[in-house]
Amino acid sequence: MKITKRSIYIFLVIFLTIAADQISKVIVRATIVGRTDTQPGERIPIIGDYFTLMNVENTGAFLGMGSDLNPTLRIILLLILPIVVLGLVLRHILKDKTLDNWSLFAFASIIGGGIANVYDRIVYGSVTDFLFIDLGGVFKTGIFNLADMSVSAGMIILLLMSFKKQKSA
């Protein structure tokens, strides 16, 4: 593969996404008491009760889904399948020269976030989640991390770019 500005851009976004996520998780694991079966864990308000930090180890996927699967199925669905999909998406964006910079950024953010969470599952057996938003019943999230934010932001950008392309067509 020829190294181009485009491929450097893709790998830089992936690397920075992974680095930001992993650094944030190291800080959270070192400074915030985590939730256990017998202890609720520490909650640190950032903006009142609206934006809170905590340390939760998630053995499943999004919002803990899949945490009760048998170990073999969990390995297939939460490790092997994501690695294959992330590899295919990376191959696609490296080969498809028609993608604009926003789409490249979005795909690279999704790949970086996915790799960061897969890394956690391999190394720690769970994913460290620590951000929580509760806007008083109007809007409430599950507990998430920077990798989740990168994947979500990437999906939103791709959706917006899709609408933009449809509108111009």
Protein backbone atom coordinates (compact mmCIF):
# COMPACT_ATOMS: atom_id res chain seq x y z
CA MET A 1 0.00 0.00 0.00
CA LYS A 2 1.30 3.41 -0.97
CA ILE A 3 1.45 5.87 1.93
CA THR A 4 -0.54 8.98 1.03
CA LYS A 5 -1.78 12.05 2.92
CA ARG A 6 -5.19 10.42 2.83
CA SER A 7 -4.04 7.19 4.51
CA ILE A 8 -2.00 9.18 7.06
CA TYR A 9 -5.17 11.18 7.85
CA ILE A 10 -7.19 7.96 8.32
CA PHE A 11 -4.62 6.32 10.60
CA LEU A 12 -4.06 9.54 12.55
CA VAL A 13 -7.79 9.85 13.34
CA ILE A 14 -7.90 6.16 14.36
CA PHE A 15 -4.79 6.52 16.54
CA LEU A 16 -5.96 9.73 18.24
CA THR A 17 -9.39 8.22 18.92
CA ILE A 18 -7.84 5.15 20.54
CA ALA A 19 -5.30 7.22 22.50
CA ALA A 20 -7.90 9.65 23.90
CA ASP A 21 -10.16 6.77 24.92
CA GLN A 22 -7.43 4.67 26.53
CA ILE A 23 -5.89 7.62 28.40
CA SER A 24 -9.30 8.60 29.78
CA LYS A 25 -9.94 5.02 30.92
CA VAL A 26 -6.55 4.77 32.65
CA ILE A 27 -7.35 7.97 34.56
CA VAL A 28 -10.83 6.73 35.51
CA ARG A 29 -9.57 3.32 36.68
CA ALA A 30 -6.86 5.01 38.78
CA THR A 31 -8.99 7.75 40.36
CA ILE A 32 -12.66 6.72 40.59
CA VAL A 33 -13.81 3.88 42.85
CA GLY A 34 -15.70 1.43 40.68
CA ARG A 35 -19.05 -0.22 41.20
CA THR A 36 -19.00 -3.79 42.53
CA ASP A 37 -21.70 -6.32 43.38
CA THR A 38 -21.73 -5.08 46.99
CA GLN A 39 -20.77 -1.41 46.56
CA PRO A 40 -22.52 1.22 44.40
CA GLY A 41 -19.26 2.98 43.42
CA GLU A 42 -18.28 6.61 43.39
CA ARG A 43 -20.31 9.27 41.54
CA ILE A 44 -18.52 12.52 40.79
CA PRO A 45 -20.80 15.35 39.67
CA ILE A 46 -19.25 17.50 36.94
CA ILE A 47 -22.25 19.72 36.19
CA GLY A 48 -24.62 19.11 39.10
CA ASP A 49 -26.48 15.83 38.67
CA TYR A 50 -26.75 16.50 34.93
CA PHE A 51 -23.28 15.27 33.97
CA THR A 52 -21.62 12.67 36.21
CA LEU A 53 -18.43 10.59 36.21
CA MET A 54 -18.40 7.05 37.57
CA ASN A 55 -16.48 3.83 36.94
CA VAL A 56 -18.47 0.87 35.63
CA GLU A 57 -16.98 -2.25 34.04
CA ASN A 58 -19.28 -3.37 31.23
CA THR A 59 -18.91 -7.04 30.24
CA GLY A 60 -21.45 -6.68 27.43
CA ALA A 61 -21.83 -4.32 24.51
CA PHE A 62 -23.91 -1.14 24.25
CA LEU A 63 -25.78 -0.58 27.57
CA GLY A 64 -24.58 -3.97 28.82
CA MET A 65 -26.43 -5.95 26.15
CA GLY A 66 -24.93 -9.39 25.76
CA SER A 67 -23.35 -9.51 29.22
CA ASP A 68 -25.40 -12.60 30.06
CA LEU A 69 -24.44 -14.55 26.91
CA ASN A 70 -22.47 -17.75 27.28
CA PRO A 71 -18.68 -17.19 27.00
CA THR A 72 -18.32 -18.71 23.50
CA LEU A 73 -21.11 -16.61 22.03
CA ARG A 74 -19.75 -13.51 23.78
CA ILE A 75 -16.30 -14.08 22.20
CA ILE A 76 -17.87 -14.48 18.75
CA LEU A 77 -20.26 -11.50 18.98
CA LEU A 78 -18.16 -9.07 21.02
CA LEU A 79 -14.63 -9.84 19.81
CA ILE A 80 -14.37 -11.81 16.57
CA LEU A 81 -17.27 -10.22 14.67
CA PRO A 82 -16.28 -6.61 15.55
CA ILE A 83 -12.64 -7.25 14.56
CA VAL A 84 -13.73 -8.66 11.19
CA VAL A 85 -16.19 -5.80 10.55
CA LEU A 86 -13.66 -3.13 11.59
CA GLY A 87 -11.07 -4.69 9.29
CA LEU A 88 -13.51 -4.70 6.37
CA VAL A 89 -14.52 -1.08 6.98
CA LEU A 90 -10.84 -0.04 7.14
CA ARG A 91 -10.15 -1.85 3.88
CA HIS A 92 -13.16 -0.13 2.30
CA ILE A 93 -12.15 3.40 3.28
CA LEU A 94 -8.55 2.85 2.21
CA LYS A 95 -9.66 1.64 -1.22
CA ASP A 96 -12.66 3.92 -1.92
CA LYS A 97 -11.07 7.13 -3.19
CA THR A 98 -14.48 8.80 -3.69
CA LEU A 99 -15.13 9.29 0.03
CA ASP A 100 -15.02 12.92 1.19
CA ASN A 101 -13.01 14.03 4.26
CA TRP A 102 -16.07 14.09 6.55
CA SER A 103 -16.92 10.50 5.64
CA LEU A 104 -13.29 9.44 6.10
CA PHE A 105 -13.27 11.12 9.52
CA ALA A 106 -16.54 9.43 10.46
CA PHE A 107 -15.42 5.95 9.40
CA ALA A 108 -12.01 6.40 11.07
CA SER A 109 -13.73 7.54 14.30
CA ILE A 110 -15.95 4.46 14.23
CA ILE A 111 -12.95 2.20 13.63
CA GLY A 112 -10.90 3.87 16.39
CA GLY A 113 -13.75 3.65 18.90
CA GLY A 114 -14.41 0.05 17.97
CA ILE A 115 -10.75 -0.93 18.31
CA ALA A 116 -10.50 0.84 21.70
CA ASN A 117 -13.46 -1.10 23.11
CA VAL A 118 -12.30 -4.42 21.60
CA TYR A 119 -8.88 -3.79 23.16
CA ASP A 120 -10.55 -3.37 26.57
CA ARG A 121 -12.48 -6.61 26.17
CA ILE A 122 -9.29 -8.50 25.26
CA VAL A 123 -7.03 -6.99 27.95
CA TYR A 124 -9.48 -6.41 30.83
CA GLY A 125 -12.39 -8.72 30.03
CA SER A 126 -14.73 -5.71 30.13
CA VAL A 127 -15.07 -2.16 28.84
CA THR A 128 -14.64 0.75 31.25
CA ASP A 129 -17.59 3.15 30.99
CA PHE A 130 -17.63 6.36 33.01
CA LEU A 131 -19.76 9.17 31.54
CA PHE A 132 -23.42 9.66 32.40
CA ILE A 133 -25.87 12.39 31.36
CA ASP A 134 -29.26 12.94 33.00
CA LEU A 135 -31.13 16.09 32.03
CA GLY A 136 -33.89 15.60 34.57
CA GLY A 137 -36.08 13.15 32.69
CA VAL A 138 -35.92 15.06 29.38
CA PHE A 139 -32.83 13.16 28.22
CA LYS A 140 -30.90 10.39 29.94
CA THR A 141 -28.07 8.22 28.63
CA GLY A 142 -26.63 4.94 29.67
CA ILE A 143 -23.09 5.02 31.06
CA PHE A 144 -20.62 5.39 28.16
CA ASN A 145 -17.01 6.25 27.30
CA LEU A 146 -15.06 8.24 24.70
CA ALA A 147 -14.91 5.29 22.30
CA ASP A 148 -18.71 5.09 22.38
CA MET A 149 -18.86 8.83 21.70
CA SER A 150 -16.53 8.42 18.71
CA VAL A 151 -18.63 5.62 17.24
CA SER A 152 -21.85 7.60 17.79
CA ALA A 153 -20.39 10.81 16.35
CA GLY A 154 -19.11 8.88 13.34
CA MET A 155 -22.55 7.38 12.73
CA ILE A 156 -24.23 10.79 13.01
CA ILE A 157 -21.75 12.34 10.56
CA LEU A 158 -22.31 9.49 8.09
CA LEU A 159 -26.06 9.95 8.39
CA LEU A 160 -25.78 13.70 7.79
CA MET A 161 -23.45 13.17 4.82
CA SER A 162 -25.93 10.67 3.39
CA PHE A 163 -28.75 13.25 3.62
CA LYS A 164 -26.49 15.86 2.04
CA LYS A 165 -25.64 13.55 -0.88
CA GLN A 166 -29.33 12.67 -1.40
CA LYS A 167 -30.31 16.33 -1.36
CA SER A 168 -27.68 17.27 -3.95
CA ALA A 169 -28.51 14.32 -6.22
